């Protein structure tokens, strides 16, 4: 039995031995121990509902569901990361150098033109 499934009962008011619960769910308790455990949990409806749910669940099914969810999540994250990388400006240094040179040439051209206008 998957130990994470048993955390359902961690907030319970009554202290339930997790090992005994695991043995009960797996059918490893003797008749007397099973009866004593059922008597202990008989008063708490929440615990009874939790145990019923745990008995109806299959740990392998839960594990495969978790693996499927993780796979889908990884695909979505990879897809989003790829889309963000496409949007991002590629880091090509020659583009930055070209832009800086064009800006410098524009400033120099403006200065030369404005000085030549003052001469006339």
Protein backbone atom coordinates (compact mmCIF):
# COMPACT_ATOMS: atom_id res chain seq x y z
CA UNK A 1 0.00 0.00 0.00
CA UNK A 2 1.31 3.41 -0.93
CA UNK A 3 2.22 5.34 2.25
CA UNK A 4 1.05 8.65 0.70
CA UNK A 5 -2.49 7.30 0.60
CA UNK A 6 -2.42 6.84 4.34
CA UNK A 7 -1.78 10.54 4.97
CA UNK A 8 -5.53 11.02 4.64
CA UNK A 9 -5.83 9.99 8.26
CA UNK A 10 -3.03 12.20 9.59
CA UNK A 11 -5.48 14.91 10.64
CA UNK A 12 -7.72 12.43 12.44
CA UNK A 13 -8.58 13.07 16.07
CA UNK A 14 -8.09 9.42 17.01
CA UNK A 15 -4.62 8.01 16.84
CA UNK A 16 -4.57 5.17 14.35
CA UNK A 17 -1.49 3.02 13.98
CA UNK A 18 -0.49 3.36 10.34
CA UNK A 19 1.16 -0.07 10.28
CA UNK A 20 -2.01 -1.66 11.67
CA UNK A 21 -4.08 0.22 9.07
CA UNK A 22 -1.79 -1.01 6.30
CA UNK A 23 -2.03 -4.56 7.57
CA UNK A 24 -5.82 -4.24 7.82
CA UNK A 25 -6.10 -2.98 4.24
CA UNK A 26 -3.80 -5.74 2.99
CA UNK A 27 -5.75 -8.40 4.95
CA UNK A 28 -2.79 -9.38 7.14
CA UNK A 29 -4.51 -9.06 10.52
CA UNK A 30 -5.82 -12.07 12.42
CA UNK A 31 -9.54 -12.26 13.17
CA UNK A 32 -9.11 -10.96 16.71
CA UNK A 33 -6.82 -8.08 15.65
CA UNK A 34 -9.17 -7.21 12.78
CA UNK A 35 -12.15 -7.11 15.15
CA UNK A 36 -10.26 -4.91 17.65
CA UNK A 37 -9.21 -2.52 14.87
CA UNK A 38 -12.75 -2.30 13.47
CA UNK A 39 -14.04 -1.61 17.00
CA UNK A 40 -11.47 1.19 17.38
CA UNK A 41 -12.53 2.91 14.14
CA UNK A 42 -16.28 2.23 14.39
CA UNK A 43 -17.09 5.56 16.08
CA UNK A 44 -15.43 7.79 13.51
CA UNK A 45 -17.34 8.19 10.23
CA UNK A 46 -14.48 10.08 8.59
CA UNK A 47 -12.01 7.27 9.27
CA UNK A 48 -14.52 4.70 8.01
CA UNK A 49 -15.03 6.67 4.79
CA UNK A 50 -11.28 7.06 4.34
CA UNK A 51 -10.67 3.34 4.84
CA UNK A 52 -13.46 2.49 2.42
CA UNK A 53 -11.92 4.79 -0.17
CA UNK A 54 -8.49 3.27 0.39
CA UNK A 55 -9.92 -0.22 -0.02
CA UNK A 56 -11.57 0.74 -3.30
CA UNK A 57 -8.48 2.41 -4.71
CA UNK A 58 -5.72 0.52 -6.42
CA UNK A 59 -2.19 1.77 -5.74
CA UNK A 60 -1.04 0.79 -9.23
CA UNK A 61 -3.86 2.79 -10.82
CA UNK A 62 -2.98 5.81 -8.71
CA UNK A 63 0.70 5.51 -9.59
CA UNK A 64 -0.06 5.26 -13.32
CA UNK A 65 -2.36 8.28 -13.07
CA UNK A 66 0.38 10.28 -11.34
CA UNK A 67 2.87 9.26 -14.04
CA UNK A 68 0.43 10.28 -16.79
CA UNK A 69 -0.17 13.65 -15.13
CA UNK A 70 3.57 14.22 -14.79
CA UNK A 71 4.11 13.37 -18.47
CA UNK A 72 1.38 15.78 -19.58
CA UNK A 73 2.76 18.48 -17.30
CA UNK A 74 6.29 18.02 -18.68
CA UNK A 75 4.96 18.29 -22.26
CA UNK A 76 3.09 21.48 -21.44
CA UNK A 77 6.08 23.02 -19.70
CA UNK A 78 8.40 22.07 -22.57
CA UNK A 79 5.94 23.50 -25.10
CA UNK A 80 5.66 26.77 -23.18
CA UNK A 81 9.44 26.98 -22.76
CA UNK A 82 9.95 26.43 -26.49
CA UNK A 83 7.40 29.13 -27.32
CA UNK A 84 9.13 31.59 -24.97
CA UNK A 85 12.49 30.83 -26.54
CA UNK A 86 11.07 31.60 -29.97
CA UNK A 87 9.79 34.96 -28.76
CA UNK A 88 13.08 35.89 -27.16
CA UNK A 89 15.53 37.90 -29.21
CA UNK A 90 18.36 35.66 -30.20
CA UNK A 91 21.65 36.70 -28.79
CA UNK A 92 23.66 37.52 -31.86
CA UNK A 93 26.39 40.05 -31.03
CA UNK A 94 26.63 41.29 -34.62
CA UNK A 95 23.04 42.60 -34.39
CA UNK A 96 23.89 44.69 -31.35
CA UNK A 97 27.09 45.95 -32.95
CA UNK A 98 25.20 46.87 -36.14
CA UNK A 99 22.56 48.79 -34.20
CA UNK A 100 25.18 50.69 -32.23
CA UNK A 101 27.12 51.55 -35.40
CA UNK A 102 23.96 52.78 -37.14
CA UNK A 103 23.09 54.96 -34.15
CA UNK A 104 26.63 56.39 -34.05
CA UNK A 105 26.49 57.11 -37.80
CA UNK A 106 23.10 58.83 -37.39
CA UNK A 107 24.42 61.01 -34.57
CA UNK A 108 27.56 61.89 -36.56
CA UNK A 109 25.47 62.66 -39.65
CA UNK A 110 23.23 64.94 -37.59
CA UNK A 111 26.23 66.76 -36.14
CA UNK A 112 27.86 67.23 -39.58
CA UNK A 113 24.62 68.42 -41.16
CA UNK A 114 23.83 70.82 -38.34
CA UNK A 115 27.38 72.33 -38.48
CA UNK A 116 27.25 72.66 -42.23
CA UNK A 117 23.92 74.51 -41.97
CA UNK A 118 25.48 77.03 -39.59
CA UNK A 119 28.31 77.74 -42.00
CA UNK A 120 26.02 78.94 -44.75
